[in-house]
Amino acid sequence: MASETAWLSRFLHKGKRVERWSVLQIEVTSRCLLQCSFCPNKSLGKQWRYGDLPFVVYRDHIAPYLSRFDLAYLQGWGEPLLHPHLWEMVRLAKAERCRVGFTTCGGGLDDATCARLLDEGVNILSISFAGATRATHESLRIGSQFDALTANVARLAHLRAARKSVLRLELHFLMLRANIHELPAFVSLAKALGADEVVATNVAYTPTREIESSRVFAAVPDLQHQDWVAEAADQAKRARIKFNAYPLKLDAPVLECDAKPTETAFVNHRGEVAPCVYLGLPVRESAPRVFDGQDRAFAPVSFGNVRDGLVEVMLGRARNEFIEPL
């Protein structure tokens, strides 16, 4: 209902020029060192475009306009810490008084990187997990070392406390059939490691039947899955840690998804501006997708390229027609 009310408000104000937005998600790289079982940058093979956003493109065509956004989220389908100019990108965003965050697999959070995160004033860091135990996590996030990862999180949390930093530390848990039973224990782990919040997400893009069969959200969710999420929520309440779980039940069609593409945008590493990270997939052709056992391939959407002017694209006809098709 809230999203419908917001959409209706925008419809009633149709034609009013909006020149400030909440989030710009920027894919600084589509490269990653892990081989996660659920990730398209491995399952799509040669169709996937690997690459980094050129620093000069970020510097000249994105950073000067970040004052128009509340948050620059420097992550797409890859590992941001692999980009050789990540810290310069953070610094340029902060110079525009824009909050900065990104998601990481956490393997690169050594002493120097943790210190740099705090030195550069990163506002939000999300760290990805796929289990509360070594066996489960490492079977899904192939190449990630669970013990090293938890040690890295604890190190960062300790350093943050010592420096009294305002960095917000979130731990993200991708809910799958193979790991959802560990969600309650993961909440306890996150609290012990010093995190501020647990976010339990769904696998929203399913390019293969194998990945599609791993998802837990459905028109009629498994009652046991719902019980584990409820138990995790209770555990979070007792532990006094914020907990946000994506819904397991597919709702009726909604006017706008929780990515809020009417208020945000995604820039992939090629500079293409898209509604969200899913419609901006860095693929060579159409993006394969399987849902409810049916092939539902889709073509990526581009409103234009940042090289043609980020603000011009944000205010341009293609994006406006996507937002207000009526």
C-alpha atoms as a PDB file:
ATOM      1  CA  MET A   1       0.000   0.000   0.000  1.00  0.00           C
ATOM      2  CA  ALA A   2       2.831   2.402   0.845  1.00  0.00           C
ATOM      3  CA  SER A   3       4.472   1.937  -2.556  1.00  0.00           C
ATOM      4  CA  GLU A   4       1.112   2.405  -4.310  1.00  0.00           C
ATOM      5  CA  THR A   5       0.512   5.638  -2.384  1.00  0.00           C
ATOM      6  CA  ALA A   6       3.970   6.915  -3.312  1.00  0.00           C
ATOM      7  CA  TRP A   7       3.424   6.018  -6.969  1.00  0.00           C
ATOM      8  CA  LEU A   8       0.014   7.739  -6.977  1.00  0.00           C
ATOM      9  CA  SER A   9       1.571  10.855  -5.474  1.00  0.00           C
ATOM     10  CA  ARG A  10       4.145  10.939  -8.274  1.00  0.00           C
ATOM     11  CA  PHE A  11       1.405  10.407 -10.872  1.00  0.00           C
ATOM     12  CA  LEU A  12      -0.597  13.335  -9.517  1.00  0.00           C
ATOM     13  CA  HIS A  13       2.536  15.479  -9.747  1.00  0.00           C
ATOM     14  CA  LYS A  14       3.337  14.256 -13.249  1.00  0.00           C
ATOM     15  CA  GLY A  15       5.281  16.825 -15.222  1.00  0.00           C
ATOM     16  CA  LYS A  16       6.986  18.290 -12.182  1.00  0.00           C
ATOM     17  CA  ARG A  17      10.733  18.354 -12.833  1.00  0.00           C
ATOM     18  CA  VAL A  18      12.734  16.267 -10.342  1.00  0.00           C
ATOM     19  CA  GLU A  19      16.455  16.981 -10.240  1.00  0.00           C
ATOM     20  CA  ARG A  20      17.502  15.122  -7.103  1.00  0.00           C
ATOM     21  CA  TRP A  21      17.348  11.381  -6.430  1.00  0.00           C
ATOM     22  CA  SER A  22      17.901   9.049  -3.497  1.00  0.00           C
ATOM     23  CA  VAL A  23      20.393   6.452  -4.785  1.00  0.00           C
ATOM     24  CA  LEU A  24      22.755   5.987  -7.702  1.00  0.00           C
ATOM     25  CA  GLN A  25      24.095   2.443  -7.766  1.00  0.00           C
ATOM     26  CA  ILE A  26      27.337   2.288  -9.727  1.00  0.00           C
ATOM     27  CA  GLU A  27      28.911  -0.947 -10.889  1.00  0.00           C
ATOM     28  CA  VAL A  28      32.619  -0.192 -10.594  1.00  0.00           C
ATOM     29  CA  THR A  29      33.475  -3.706 -11.791  1.00  0.00           C
ATOM     30  CA  SER A  30      31.735  -6.871 -12.952  1.00  0.00           C
ATOM     31  CA  ARG A  31      34.751  -8.982 -11.955  1.00  0.00           C
ATOM     32  CA  CYS A  32      34.829 -11.233  -8.895  1.00  0.00           C
ATOM     33  CA  LEU A  33      37.265 -13.801  -7.560  1.00  0.00           C
ATOM     34  CA  LEU A  34      34.589 -16.109  -6.141  1.00  0.00           C
ATOM     35  CA  GLN A  35      32.610 -18.814  -7.940  1.00  0.00           C
ATOM     36  CA  CYS A  36      29.274 -18.509  -6.122  1.00  0.00           C
ATOM     37  CA  SER A  37      26.778 -21.176  -7.151  1.00  0.00           C
ATOM     38  CA  PHE A  38      23.955 -18.658  -7.596  1.00  0.00           C
ATOM     39  CA  CYS A  39      25.758 -15.804  -9.389  1.00  0.00           C
ATOM     40  CA  PRO A  40      25.166 -15.010 -13.085  1.00  0.00           C
ATOM     41  CA  ASN A  41      28.699 -13.763 -13.670  1.00  0.00           C
ATOM     42  CA  LYS A  42      29.751 -17.408 -13.591  1.00  0.00           C
ATOM     43  CA  SER A  43      26.656 -19.231 -14.880  1.00  0.00           C
ATOM     44  CA  LEU A  44      26.303 -17.071 -18.007  1.00  0.00           C
ATOM     45  CA  GLY A  45      29.791 -17.928 -19.256  1.00  0.00           C
ATOM     46  CA  LYS A  46      30.890 -16.100 -22.415  1.00  0.00           C
ATOM     47  CA  GLN A  47      27.701 -14.060 -22.476  1.00  0.00           C
ATOM     48  CA  TRP A  48      28.899 -12.133 -19.412  1.00  0.00           C
ATOM     49  CA  ARG A  49      30.848  -8.909 -19.980  1.00  0.00           C
ATOM     50  CA  TYR A  50      33.734  -8.671 -17.522  1.00  0.00           C
ATOM     51  CA  GLY A  51      35.231  -5.241 -17.022  1.00  0.00           C
ATOM     52  CA  ASP A  52      35.843  -2.203 -14.850  1.00  0.00           C
ATOM     53  CA  LEU A  53      34.212   1.205 -15.047  1.00  0.00           C
ATOM     54  CA  PRO A  54      37.026   3.440 -16.358  1.00  0.00           C
ATOM     55  CA  PHE A  55      38.094   5.862 -13.665  1.00  0.00           C
ATOM     56  CA  VAL A  56      38.094   8.755 -16.129  1.00  0.00           C
ATOM     57  CA  VAL A  57      34.429   8.044 -16.922  1.00  0.00           C
ATOM     58  CA  TYR A  58      33.560   8.056 -13.233  1.00  0.00           C
ATOM     59  CA  ARG A  59      35.638  11.183 -12.585  1.00  0.00           C
ATOM     60  CA  ASP A  60      34.335  13.216 -15.512  1.00  0.00           C
ATOM     61  CA  HIS A  61      30.807  11.939 -16.100  1.00  0.00           C
ATOM     62  CA  ILE A  62      29.503  10.661 -12.744  1.00  0.00           C
ATOM     63  CA  ALA A  63      31.272  12.219  -9.757  1.00  0.00           C
ATOM     64  CA  PRO A  64      30.513  15.877 -10.621  1.00  0.00           C
ATOM     65  CA  TYR A  65      26.785  15.126 -10.366  1.00  0.00           C
ATOM     66  CA  LEU A  66      26.714  13.037  -7.196  1.00  0.00           C
ATOM     67  CA  SER A  67      25.585  16.053  -5.183  1.00  0.00           C
ATOM     68  CA  ARG A  68      22.190  15.346  -6.761  1.00  0.00           C
ATOM     69  CA  PHE A  69      22.035  11.942  -5.035  1.00  0.00           C
ATOM     70  CA  ASP A  70      21.747  11.059  -1.349  1.00  0.00           C
ATOM     71  CA  LEU A  71      23.788   7.854  -1.698  1.00  0.00           C
ATOM     72  CA  ALA A  72      26.326   6.520  -4.192  1.00  0.00           C
ATOM     73  CA  TYR A  73      26.432   2.734  -3.888  1.00  0.00           C
ATOM     74  CA  LEU A  74      29.600   1.553  -5.611  1.00  0.00           C
ATOM     75  CA  GLN A  75      28.659  -2.023  -6.396  1.00  0.00           C
ATOM     76  CA  GLY A  76      26.914  -4.026  -9.075  1.00  0.00           C
ATOM     77  CA  TRP A  77      27.695  -7.607 -10.082  1.00  0.00           C
ATOM     78  CA  GLY A  78      31.349  -7.698  -9.039  1.00  0.00           C
ATOM     79  CA  GLU A  79      33.698  -7.143  -6.102  1.00  0.00           C
ATOM     80  CA  PRO A  80      34.336  -3.392  -5.650  1.00  0.00           C
ATOM     81  CA  LEU A  81      37.644  -3.910  -3.823  1.00  0.00           C
ATOM     82  CA  LEU A  82      39.110  -5.219  -7.099  1.00  0.00           C
ATOM     83  CA  HIS A  83      38.851  -1.791  -8.733  1.00  0.00           C
ATOM     84  CA  PRO A  84      42.267  -0.071  -8.633  1.00  0.00           C
ATOM     85  CA  HIS A  85      40.703   3.373  -8.136  1.00  0.00           C
ATOM     86  CA  LEU A  86      37.972   2.519  -5.620  1.00  0.00           C
ATOM     87  CA  TRP A  87      39.238   4.835  -2.897  1.00  0.00           C
ATOM     88  CA  GLU A  88      39.566   7.744  -5.305  1.00  0.00           C
ATOM     89  CA  MET A  89      35.968   7.103  -6.333  1.00  0.00           C
ATOM     90  CA  VAL A  90      34.880   7.165  -2.696  1.00  0.00           C
ATOM     91  CA  ARG A  91      36.772  10.407  -2.131  1.00  0.00           C
ATOM     92  CA  LEU A  92      35.208  12.123  -5.136  1.00  0.00           C
ATOM     93  CA  ALA A  93      31.714  11.141  -3.983  1.00  0.00           C
ATOM     94  CA  LYS A  94      32.370  12.406  -0.474  1.00  0.00           C
ATOM     95  CA  ALA A  95      33.637  15.682  -1.944  1.00  0.00           C
ATOM     96  CA  GLU A  96      30.149  16.119  -3.420  1.00  0.00           C
ATOM     97  CA  ARG A  97      28.644  15.563   0.052  1.00  0.00           C
ATOM     98  CA  CYS A  98      27.165  12.274  -1.082  1.00  0.00           C
ATOM     99  CA  ARG A  99      26.967   9.302   1.254  1.00  0.00           C
ATOM    100  CA  VAL A 100      28.880   6.254   0.032  1.00  0.00           C
ATOM    101  CA  GLY A 101      28.463   2.514   0.464  1.00  0.00           C
ATOM    102  CA  PHE A 102      29.175  -0.796  -1.216  1.00  0.00           C
ATOM    103  CA  THR A 103      28.837  -4.558  -0.815  1.00  0.00           C
ATOM    104  CA  THR A 104      31.834  -6.867  -0.559  1.00  0.00           C
ATOM    105  CA  CYS A 105      32.460 -10.591  -0.275  1.00  0.00           C
ATOM    106  CA  GLY A 106      34.696  -9.626   2.657  1.00  0.00           C
ATOM    107  CA  GLY A 107      37.776 -11.618   1.732  1.00  0.00           C
ATOM    108  CA  GLY A 108      39.813  -8.476   1.140  1.00  0.00           C
ATOM    109  CA  LEU A 109      39.115  -6.846   4.504  1.00  0.00           C
ATOM    110  CA  ASP A 110      42.643  -7.002   5.874  1.00  0.00           C
ATOM    111  CA  ASP A 111      44.018  -4.524   8.416  1.00  0.00           C
ATOM    112  CA  ALA A 112      44.961  -1.923   5.810  1.00  0.00           C
ATOM    113  CA  THR A 113      41.630  -2.110   3.987  1.00  0.00           C
ATOM    114  CA  CYS A 114      39.603  -1.860   7.193  1.00  0.00           C
ATOM    115  CA  ALA A 115      41.572   1.215   8.202  1.00  0.00           C
ATOM    116  CA  ARG A 116      41.118   2.721   4.746  1.00  0.00           C
ATOM    117  CA  LEU A 117      37.356   2.208   4.886  1.00  0.00           C
ATOM    118  CA  LEU A 118      37.204   4.294   8.023  1.00  0.00           C
ATOM    119  CA  ASP A 119      39.763   6.855   6.860  1.00  0.00           C
ATOM    120  CA  GLU A 120      37.808   7.545   3.675  1.00  0.00           C
ATOM    121  CA  GLY A 121      34.514   7.895   5.551  1.00  0.00           C
ATOM    122  CA  VAL A 122      32.530   5.093   3.902  1.00  0.00           C
ATOM    123  CA  ASN A 123      29.020   5.283   5.349  1.00  0.00           C
ATOM    124  CA  ILE A 124      27.638   1.788   4.667  1.00  0.00           C
ATOM    125  CA  LEU A 125      29.385  -1.537   4.189  1.00  0.00           C
ATOM    126  CA  SER A 126      27.446  -4.710   3.441  1.00  0.00           C
ATOM    127  CA  ILE A 127      29.239  -8.057   3.685  1.00  0.00           C
ATOM    128  CA  SER A 128      27.844 -11.130   1.939  1.00  0.00           C
ATOM    129  CA  PHE A 129      27.322 -14.492   3.638  1.00  0.00           C
ATOM    130  CA  ALA A 130      25.588 -17.710   2.586  1.00  0.00           C
ATOM    131  CA  GLY A 131      25.539 -19.602   5.860  1.00  0.00           C
ATOM    132  CA  ALA A 132      26.205 -19.573   9.584  1.00  0.00           C
ATOM    133  CA  THR A 133      28.648 -22.482   9.364  1.00  0.00           C
ATOM    134  CA  ARG A 134      31.819 -23.087   7.401  1.00  0.00           C
ATOM    135  CA  ALA A 135      30.409 -26.068   5.510  1.00  0.00           C
ATOM    136  CA  THR A 136      27.263 -24.346   4.285  1.00  0.00           C
ATOM    137  CA  HIS A 137      28.823 -20.982   3.472  1.00  0.00           C
ATOM    138  CA  GLU A 138      31.775 -22.415   1.569  1.00  0.00           C
ATOM    139  CA  SER A 139      29.602 -24.850  -0.401  1.00  0.00           C
ATOM    140  CA  LEU A 140      27.597 -21.933  -1.828  1.00  0.00           C
ATOM    141  CA  ARG A 141      30.098 -19.070  -1.953  1.00  0.00           C
ATOM    142  CA  ILE A 142      32.832 -21.145  -3.543  1.00  0.00           C
ATOM    143  CA  GLY A 143      36.256 -19.672  -2.933  1.00  0.00           C
ATOM    144  CA  SER A 144      35.228 -17.799   0.214  1.00  0.00           C
ATOM    145  CA  GLN A 145      36.888 -18.863   3.471  1.00  0.00           C
ATOM    146  CA  PHE A 146      34.349 -18.689   6.278  1.00  0.00           C
ATOM    147  CA  ASP A 147      36.769 -18.500   9.214  1.00  0.00           C
ATOM    148  CA  ALA A 148      38.805 -15.755   7.559  1.00  0.00           C
ATOM    149  CA  LEU A 149      35.620 -13.884   6.669  1.00  0.00           C
ATOM    150  CA  THR A 150      34.245 -13.889  10.206  1.00  0.00           C
ATOM    151  CA  ALA A 151      37.655 -12.793  11.512  1.00  0.00           C
ATOM    152  CA  ASN A 152      37.637  -9.912   9.017  1.00  0.00           C
ATOM    153  CA  VAL A 153      34.185  -8.771  10.125  1.00  0.00           C
ATOM    154  CA  ALA A 154      35.187  -8.884  13.786  1.00  0.00           C
ATOM    155  CA  ARG A 155      38.376  -6.944  12.980  1.00  0.00           C
ATOM    156  CA  LEU A 156      36.452  -4.201  11.220  1.00  0.00           C
ATOM    157  CA  ALA A 157      33.824  -3.975  13.961  1.00  0.00           C
ATOM    158  CA  HIS A 158      36.541  -3.707  16.621  1.00  0.00           C
ATOM    159  CA  LEU A 159      38.406  -0.990  14.726  1.00  0.00           C
ATOM    160  CA  ARG A 160      35.177   0.882  14.077  1.00  0.00           C
ATOM    161  CA  ALA A 161      34.357   0.879  17.788  1.00  0.00           C
ATOM    162  CA  ALA A 162      37.858   2.005  18.719  1.00  0.00           C
ATOM    163  CA  ARG A 163      37.637   4.936  16.316  1.00  0.00           C
ATOM    164  CA  LYS A 164      33.993   5.686  17.134  1.00  0.00           C
ATOM    165  CA  SER A 165      33.261   5.612  13.406  1.00  0.00           C
ATOM    166  CA  VAL A 166      29.777   6.149  11.982  1.00  0.00           C
ATOM    167  CA  LEU A 167      30.239   3.330   9.435  1.00  0.00           C
ATOM    168  CA  ARG A 168      27.109   1.181   9.273  1.00  0.00           C
ATOM    169  CA  LEU A 169      27.969  -2.510   9.105  1.00  0.00           C
ATOM    170  CA  GLU A 170      25.399  -4.842   7.565  1.00  0.00           C
ATOM    171  CA  LEU A 171      25.686  -8.593   7.051  1.00  0.00           C
ATOM    172  CA  HIS A 172      23.659  -9.925   4.133  1.00  0.00           C
ATOM    173  CA  PHE A 173      22.427 -13.519   4.093  1.00  0.00           C
ATOM    174  CA  LEU A 174      21.117 -14.846   0.772  1.00  0.00           C
ATOM    175  CA  MET A 175      18.211 -17.166   1.605  1.00  0.00           C
ATOM    176  CA  LEU A 176      18.314 -20.431  -0.350  1.00  0.00           C
ATOM    177  CA  ARG A 177      16.826 -23.873   0.188  1.00  0.00           C
ATOM    178  CA  ALA A 178      20.283 -25.108   1.124  1.00  0.00           C
ATOM    179  CA  ASN A 179      20.899 -22.590   3.914  1.00  0.00           C
ATOM    180  CA  ILE A 180      17.698 -20.988   5.227  1.00  0.00           C
ATOM    181  CA  HIS A 181      17.707 -23.331   8.228  1.00  0.00           C
ATOM    182  CA  GLU A 182      20.845 -21.511   9.435  1.00  0.00           C
ATOM    183  CA  LEU A 183      19.272 -18.039   9.402  1.00  0.00           C
ATOM    184  CA  PRO A 184      18.454 -17.953  13.160  1.00  0.00           C
ATOM    185  CA  ALA A 185      22.017 -18.976  14.014  1.00  0.00           C
ATOM    186  CA  PHE A 186      23.330 -16.380  11.575  1.00  0.00           C
ATOM    187  CA  VAL A 187      21.545 -13.631  13.501  1.00  0.00           C
ATOM    188  CA  SER A 188      23.403 -14.712  16.637  1.00  0.00           C
ATOM    189  CA  LEU A 189      26.669 -14.816  14.706  1.00  0.00           C
ATOM    190  CA  ALA A 190      26.133 -11.311  13.325  1.00  0.00           C
ATOM    191  CA  LYS A 191      25.513  -9.961  16.815  1.00  0.00           C
ATOM    192  CA  ALA A 192      28.650 -11.656  18.132  1.00  0.00           C
ATOM    193  CA  LEU A 193      30.724 -10.217  15.281  1.00  0.00           C
ATOM    194  CA  GLY A 194      29.551  -6.673  16.002  1.00  0.00           C
ATOM    195  CA  ALA A 195      27.271  -5.987  13.025  1.00  0.00           C
ATOM    196  CA  ASP A 196      24.455  -3.425  13.111  1.00  0.00           C
ATOM    197  CA  GLU A 197      21.955  -5.283  10.964  1.00  0.00           C
ATOM    198  CA  VAL A 198      21.161  -8.585   9.284  1.00  0.00           C
ATOM    199  CA  VAL A 199      19.503  -8.404   5.875  1.00  0.00           C
ATOM    200  CA  ALA A 200      18.078 -11.695   4.596  1.00  0.00           C
ATOM    201  CA  THR A 201      17.686 -11.446   0.833  1.00  0.00           C
ATOM    202  CA  ASN A 202      16.167 -13.532  -1.956  1.00  0.00           C
ATOM    203  CA  VAL A 203      17.849 -14.777  -5.110  1.00  0.00           C
ATOM    204  CA  ALA A 204      15.899 -12.498  -7.426  1.00  0.00           C
ATOM    205  CA  TYR A 205      17.621 -13.244 -10.729  1.00  0.00           C
ATOM    206  CA  THR A 206      17.551 -16.895 -11.765  1.00  0.00           C
ATOM    207  CA  PRO A 207      19.294 -17.431 -15.121  1.00  0.00           C
ATOM    208  CA  THR A 208      19.252 -21.246 -14.936  1.00  0.00           C
ATOM    209  CA  ARG A 209      16.843 -23.929 -13.766  1.00  0.00           C
ATOM    210  CA  GLU A 210      19.306 -25.007 -11.111  1.00  0.00           C
ATOM    211  CA  ILE A 211      19.439 -21.529  -9.586  1.00  0.00           C
ATOM    212  CA  GLU A 212      15.669 -21.111  -9.950  1.00  0.00           C
ATOM    213  CA  SER A 213      15.094 -24.311  -7.994  1.00  0.00           C
ATOM    214  CA  SER A 214      17.192 -22.955  -5.125  1.00  0.00           C
ATOM    215  CA  ARG A 215      14.965 -19.978  -4.322  1.00  0.00           C
ATOM    216  CA  VAL A 216      12.734 -19.988  -1.258  1.00  0.00           C
ATOM    217  CA  PHE A 217      10.181 -17.304  -2.107  1.00  0.00           C
ATOM    218  CA  ALA A 218       7.037 -18.613  -3.770  1.00  0.00           C
ATOM    219  CA  ALA A 219       3.327 -18.059  -4.252  1.00  0.00           C
ATOM    220  CA  VAL A 220       2.845 -20.578  -1.433  1.00  0.00           C
ATOM    221  CA  PRO A 221       5.988 -20.526   0.721  1.00  0.00           C
ATOM    222  CA  ASP A 222       7.185 -23.580   2.607  1.00  0.00           C
ATOM    223  CA  LEU A 223       5.863 -23.335   6.171  1.00  0.00           C
ATOM    224  CA  GLN A 224       9.185 -24.508   7.583  1.00  0.00           C
ATOM    225  CA  HIS A 225      10.969 -21.703   5.733  1.00  0.00           C
ATOM    226  CA  GLN A 226       8.550 -19.182   7.212  1.00  0.00           C
ATOM    227  CA  ASP A 227       9.133 -20.614  10.674  1.00  0.00           C
ATOM    228  CA  TRP A 228      12.910 -20.211  10.324  1.00  0.00           C
ATOM    229  CA  VAL A 229      12.516 -16.587   9.264  1.00  0.00           C
ATOM    230  CA  ALA A 230      10.166 -15.941  12.192  1.00  0.00           C
ATOM    231  CA  GLU A 231      12.636 -17.613  14.552  1.00  0.00           C
ATOM    232  CA  ALA A 232      15.417 -15.418  13.176  1.00  0.00           C
ATOM    233  CA  ALA A 233      13.290 -12.318  13.733  1.00  0.00           C
ATOM    234  CA  ASP A 234      12.649 -13.367  17.336  1.00  0.00           C
ATOM    235  CA  GLN A 235      16.344 -14.020  17.845  1.00  0.00           C
ATOM    236  CA  ALA A 236      17.172 -10.561  16.480  1.00  0.00           C
ATOM    237  CA  LYS A 237      14.709  -8.983  18.882  1.00  0.00           C
ATOM    238  CA  ARG A 238      16.294 -10.770  21.814  1.00  0.00           C
ATOM    239  CA  ALA A 239      19.806  -9.920  20.647  1.00  0.00           C
ATOM    240  CA  ARG A 240      18.835  -6.315  19.922  1.00  0.00           C
ATOM    241  CA  ILE A 241      20.117  -6.315  16.382  1.00  0.00           C
ATOM    242  CA  LYS A 242      18.145  -4.938  13.450  1.00  0.00           C
ATOM    243  CA  PHE A 243      16.723  -7.613  11.162  1.00  0.00           C
ATOM    244  CA  ASN A 244      15.229  -7.177   7.715  1.00  0.00           C
ATOM    245  CA  ALA A 245      14.012 -10.238   5.810  1.00  0.00           C
ATOM    246  CA  TYR A 246      12.743 -10.045   2.259  1.00  0.00           C
ATOM    247  CA  PRO A 247       9.257 -11.598   1.915  1.00  0.00           C
ATOM    248  CA  LEU A 248       8.965 -15.297   1.152  1.00  0.00           C
ATOM    249  CA  LYS A 249       5.486 -14.917  -0.321  1.00  0.00           C
ATOM    250  CA  LEU A 250       5.013 -13.603  -3.838  1.00  0.00           C
ATOM    251  CA  ASP A 251       2.522 -10.752  -3.660  1.00  0.00           C
ATOM    252  CA  ALA A 252       0.029  -9.761  -6.304  1.00  0.00           C
ATOM    253  CA  PRO A 253       1.466  -7.481  -9.018  1.00  0.00           C
ATOM    254  CA  VAL A 254       2.710  -4.222  -7.540  1.00  0.00           C
ATOM    255  CA  LEU A 255       3.144  -0.843  -9.178  1.00  0.00           C
ATOM    256  CA  GLU A 256       6.775  -0.552  -8.099  1.00  0.00           C
ATOM    257  CA  CYS A 257       9.291  -2.997  -6.629  1.00  0.00           C
ATOM    258  CA  ASP A 258      11.334  -2.242  -3.523  1.00  0.00           C
ATOM    259  CA  ALA A 259      14.298  -1.119  -5.658  1.00  0.00           C
ATOM    260  CA  LYS A 260      12.223   2.032  -6.311  1.00  0.00           C
ATOM    261  CA  PRO A 261      13.462   2.650  -9.871  1.00  0.00           C
ATOM    262  CA  THR A 262      11.389   5.822 -10.046  1.00  0.00           C
ATOM    263  CA  GLU A 263      13.695   7.347  -7.427  1.00  0.00           C
ATOM    264  CA  THR A 264      16.995   5.599  -8.175  1.00  0.00           C
ATOM    265  CA  ALA A 265      19.145   4.382 -11.061  1.00  0.00           C
ATOM    266  CA  PHE A 266      21.886   1.882 -11.831  1.00  0.00           C
ATOM    267  CA  VAL A 267      25.001   2.502 -13.913  1.00  0.00           C
ATOM    268  CA  ASN A 268      26.819  -0.608 -15.127  1.00  0.00           C
ATOM    269  CA  HIS A 269      30.551  -0.728 -15.783  1.00  0.00           C
ATOM    270  CA  ARG A 270      29.990   0.191 -19.433  1.00  0.00           C
ATOM    271  CA  GLY A 271      28.343   3.442 -18.376  1.00  0.00           C
ATOM    272  CA  GLU A 272      24.809   2.433 -19.337  1.00  0.00           C
ATOM    273  CA  VAL A 273      22.096   3.893 -17.094  1.00  0.00           C
ATOM    274  CA  ALA A 274      19.348   1.384 -16.243  1.00  0.00           C
ATOM    275  CA  PRO A 275      16.392   1.206 -13.846  1.00  0.00           C
ATOM    276  CA  CYS A 276      18.120  -1.319 -11.575  1.00  0.00           C
ATOM    277  CA  VAL A 277      20.938  -3.829 -11.260  1.00  0.00           C
ATOM    278  CA  TYR A 278      18.816  -6.556 -12.868  1.00  0.00           C
ATOM    279  CA  LEU A 279      17.747  -4.628 -15.959  1.00  0.00           C
ATOM    280  CA  GLY A 280      21.297  -3.315 -16.307  1.00  0.00           C
ATOM    281  CA  LEU A 281      22.970  -6.727 -16.476  1.00  0.00           C
ATOM    282  CA  PRO A 282      26.316  -6.532 -18.332  1.00  0.00           C
ATOM    283  CA  VAL A 283      25.482  -9.230 -20.880  1.00  0.00           C
ATOM    284  CA  ARG A 284      26.236  -9.452 -24.592  1.00  0.00           C
ATOM    285  CA  GLU A 285      22.720 -10.270 -25.742  1.00  0.00           C
ATOM    286  CA  SER A 286      19.409 -10.908 -24.006  1.00  0.00           C
ATOM    287  CA  ALA A 287      19.541 -12.095 -20.411  1.00  0.00           C
ATOM    288  CA  PRO A 288      18.284 -15.653 -19.842  1.00  0.00           C
ATOM    289  CA  ARG A 289      15.836 -16.064 -16.994  1.00  0.00           C
ATOM    290  CA  VAL A 290      13.870 -19.007 -15.645  1.00  0.00           C
ATOM    291  CA  PHE A 291      10.854 -18.449 -13.410  1.00  0.00           C
ATOM    292  CA  ASP A 292       8.302 -21.026 -12.314  1.00  0.00           C
ATOM    293  CA  GLY A 293       9.926 -23.467 -14.697  1.00  0.00           C
ATOM    294  CA  GLN A 294       9.438 -21.265 -17.757  1.00  0.00           C
ATOM    295  CA  ASP A 295      12.063 -19.510 -19.867  1.00  0.00           C
ATOM    296  CA  ARG A 296      11.513 -15.769 -19.586  1.00  0.00           C
ATOM    297  CA  ALA A 297      14.515 -14.118 -21.200  1.00  0.00           C
ATOM    298  CA  PHE A 298      14.573 -10.333 -21.250  1.00  0.00           C
ATOM    299  CA  ALA A 299      16.550  -7.602 -22.937  1.00  0.00           C
ATOM    300  CA  PRO A 300      18.578  -5.275 -20.700  1.00  0.00           C
ATOM    301  CA  VAL A 301      17.257  -1.715 -20.518  1.00  0.00           C
ATOM    302  CA  SER A 302      19.371   1.383 -21.094  1.00  0.00           C
ATOM    303  CA  PHE A 303      18.155   4.957 -20.754  1.00  0.00           C
ATOM    304  CA  GLY A 304      21.438   6.191 -22.208  1.00  0.00           C
ATOM    305  CA  ASN A 305      25.116   6.380 -21.330  1.00  0.00           C
ATOM    306  CA  VAL A 306      26.706   8.601 -18.700  1.00  0.00           C
ATOM    307  CA  ARG A 307      29.122   9.797 -21.385  1.00  0.00           C
ATOM    308  CA  ASP A 308      26.131  11.587 -22.919  1.00  0.00           C
ATOM    309  CA  GLY A 309      25.427  13.339 -19.614  1.00  0.00           C
ATOM    310  CA  LEU A 310      24.199  11.663 -16.428  1.00  0.00           C
ATOM    311  CA  VAL A 311      21.671  14.348 -15.537  1.00  0.00           C
ATOM    312  CA  GLU A 312      20.461  14.521 -19.132  1.00  0.00           C
ATOM    313  CA  VAL A 313      19.844  10.767 -19.065  1.00  0.00           C
ATOM    314  CA  MET A 314      18.114  10.939 -15.675  1.00  0.00           C
ATOM    315  CA  LEU A 315      15.804  13.662 -16.982  1.00  0.00           C
ATOM    316  CA  GLY A 316      15.574  12.268 -20.491  1.00  0.00           C
ATOM    317  CA  ARG A 317      12.700  10.901 -22.481  1.00  0.00           C
ATOM    318  CA  ALA A 318      13.609   7.205 -22.194  1.00  0.00           C
ATOM    319  CA  ARG A 319      13.669   7.239 -18.399  1.00  0.00           C
ATOM    320  CA  ASN A 320      10.611   9.468 -18.183  1.00  0.00           C
ATOM    321  CA  GLU A 321       8.603   7.081 -20.359  1.00  0.00           C
ATOM    322  CA  PHE A 322       9.706   4.160 -18.180  1.00  0.00           C
ATOM    323  CA  ILE A 323       8.611   5.961 -15.005  1.00  0.00           C
ATOM    324  CA  GLU A 324       5.404   7.490 -16.343  1.00  0.00           C
ATOM    325  CA  PRO A 325       4.225   5.223 -19.187  1.00  0.00           C
ATOM    326  CA  LEU A 326       0.769   6.762 -19.090  1.00  0.00           C
END
